[in-house]
Amino acid sequence: MRTKDELGLSGEQLAADYLEDRGIRVIDSNWRCSSGEIDIVALDGQDLVIVEVKTRRSRRYGDPLEAITKAKLLRLRTLAVLWARDHNRVVGALRIDAVGIIMGGRQEPSIDHIKGVA
């Protein structure tokens, strides 16, 4: 059985592959600063996309996307500005997406991607 950290990293890699397959270019991942962490930073055309990934083994305790709070979404907006400043990026539109993944047992992972959650 995978540890929580291993499960999270596997989910983030799966999410990155999923996004890339849909033409959303991943440009950074697991970026950290004193204010928090961004799971995935991507570009969808010219739009900067900040992606929060939640991975679970099952829906036993609810859908993974339910774990993304309003406070987390507000923090992601702040982190997006800090990331852009740290990387000398001028951004036009900013979008925050959420990806929920269920990686349970022998079945194929279930991936839910919601664009523009905040």
Protein backbone atom coordinates (compact mmCIF):
# COMPACT_ATOMS: atom_id res chain seq x y z
CA MET A 1 0.00 0.00 0.00
CA ARG A 2 1.24 3.48 -0.84
CA THR A 3 1.91 6.08 1.79
CA LYS A 4 -0.09 9.29 1.69
CA ASP A 5 2.88 11.20 0.21
CA GLU A 6 3.47 8.56 -2.46
CA LEU A 7 -0.21 8.56 -3.34
CA GLY A 8 -0.19 12.35 -3.64
CA LEU A 9 2.91 12.41 -5.84
CA SER A 10 1.48 9.65 -8.05
CA GLY A 11 -1.76 11.59 -8.37
CA GLU A 12 0.08 14.80 -9.27
CA GLN A 13 2.04 12.98 -11.99
CA LEU A 14 -1.15 11.43 -13.34
CA ALA A 15 -2.81 14.86 -13.33
CA ALA A 16 0.17 16.41 -15.16
CA ASP A 17 0.02 13.69 -17.84
CA TYR A 18 -3.75 14.15 -18.13
CA LEU A 19 -3.39 17.91 -18.60
CA GLU A 20 -0.57 17.54 -21.14
CA ASP A 21 -2.69 15.07 -23.14
CA ARG A 22 -5.32 17.82 -23.38
CA GLY A 23 -2.92 20.49 -24.59
CA ILE A 24 -2.34 22.20 -21.26
CA ARG A 25 1.43 22.60 -20.91
CA VAL A 26 2.83 21.93 -17.42
CA ILE A 27 5.67 24.36 -16.68
CA ASP A 28 6.26 23.77 -12.96
CA SER A 29 5.18 21.47 -10.17
CA ASN A 30 5.40 21.29 -6.40
CA TRP A 31 6.52 24.92 -6.19
CA ARG A 32 6.91 26.04 -2.60
CA CYS A 33 7.41 29.30 -0.78
CA SER A 34 6.82 30.43 2.78
CA SER A 35 3.13 31.05 1.98
CA GLY A 36 2.35 27.58 0.68
CA GLU A 37 2.63 25.20 -2.26
CA ILE A 38 1.28 24.98 -5.78
CA ASP A 39 0.82 21.43 -7.08
CA ILE A 40 0.96 22.26 -10.80
CA VAL A 41 1.59 25.45 -12.77
CA ALA A 42 0.58 25.23 -16.43
CA LEU A 43 -0.18 27.26 -19.52
CA ASP A 44 -3.41 26.84 -21.47
CA GLY A 45 -2.69 28.97 -24.49
CA GLN A 46 -1.64 32.27 -22.90
CA ASP A 47 -3.54 31.67 -19.65
CA LEU A 48 -1.62 30.84 -16.50
CA VAL A 49 -3.31 27.87 -14.84
CA ILE A 50 -2.76 26.94 -11.21
CA VAL A 51 -3.90 23.38 -10.54
CA GLU A 52 -4.77 21.92 -7.15
CA VAL A 53 -4.66 18.12 -7.18
CA LYS A 54 -6.43 15.95 -4.61
CA THR A 55 -5.89 12.19 -4.73
CA ARG A 56 -7.72 9.56 -2.72
CA ARG A 57 -7.88 5.78 -2.66
CA SER A 58 -11.70 5.80 -2.68
CA ARG A 59 -14.73 8.03 -2.20
CA ARG A 60 -15.34 6.45 1.19
CA TYR A 61 -14.80 9.79 2.94
CA GLY A 62 -16.18 11.93 0.13
CA ASP A 63 -15.05 13.15 -3.24
CA PRO A 64 -11.46 14.43 -3.36
CA LEU A 65 -12.61 17.76 -4.79
CA GLU A 66 -14.70 18.38 -1.67
CA ALA A 67 -11.43 18.83 0.23
CA ILE A 68 -10.65 22.06 -1.63
CA THR A 69 -11.88 24.88 0.59
CA LYS A 70 -12.57 28.53 -0.21
CA ALA A 71 -9.58 29.44 1.96
CA LYS A 72 -7.36 27.15 -0.15
CA LEU A 73 -8.63 28.75 -3.36
CA LEU A 74 -7.87 32.23 -2.01
CA ARG A 75 -4.39 31.10 -0.99
CA LEU A 76 -3.83 29.68 -4.49
CA ARG A 77 -4.57 33.10 -6.01
CA THR A 78 -1.94 34.67 -3.74
CA LEU A 79 0.51 31.89 -4.55
CA ALA A 80 -0.07 32.42 -8.27
CA VAL A 81 1.01 36.05 -7.97
CA LEU A 82 4.06 35.03 -5.93
CA TRP A 83 4.98 32.35 -8.47
CA ALA A 84 4.68 34.80 -11.37
CA ARG A 85 6.83 37.35 -9.55
CA ASP A 86 9.43 34.72 -8.62
CA HIS A 87 9.64 33.56 -12.25
CA ASN A 88 9.50 37.05 -13.83
CA ARG A 89 6.32 36.14 -15.69
CA VAL A 90 3.79 38.63 -16.89
CA VAL A 91 0.46 36.89 -16.96
CA GLY A 92 -2.71 37.84 -18.71
CA ALA A 93 -5.53 35.67 -17.52
CA LEU A 94 -5.21 33.53 -14.42
CA ARG A 95 -7.28 30.40 -13.96
CA ILE A 96 -7.44 28.02 -11.04
CA ASP A 97 -8.36 24.44 -11.85
CA ALA A 98 -8.96 21.44 -9.64
CA VAL A 99 -8.20 17.83 -10.42
CA GLY A 100 -9.66 15.06 -8.27
CA ILE A 101 -8.27 11.55 -8.64
CA ILE A 102 -9.39 8.23 -7.25
CA MET A 103 -6.62 5.61 -7.43
CA GLY A 104 -8.12 2.53 -5.91
CA GLY A 105 -7.29 -1.10 -6.33
CA ARG A 106 -6.92 -2.66 -9.74
CA GLN A 107 -9.26 -0.34 -11.62
CA GLU A 108 -8.15 2.50 -13.83
CA PRO A 109 -7.81 5.79 -11.96
CA SER A 110 -10.81 8.11 -12.11
CA ILE A 111 -9.92 11.71 -13.00
CA ASP A 112 -12.24 14.71 -12.62
CA HIS A 113 -10.95 18.04 -13.96
CA ILE A 114 -12.82 21.24 -13.22
CA LYS A 115 -11.62 24.36 -15.01
CA GLY A 116 -11.96 27.72 -13.37
CA VAL A 117 -13.00 26.71 -9.86
CA ALA A 118 -12.03 30.17 -8.59
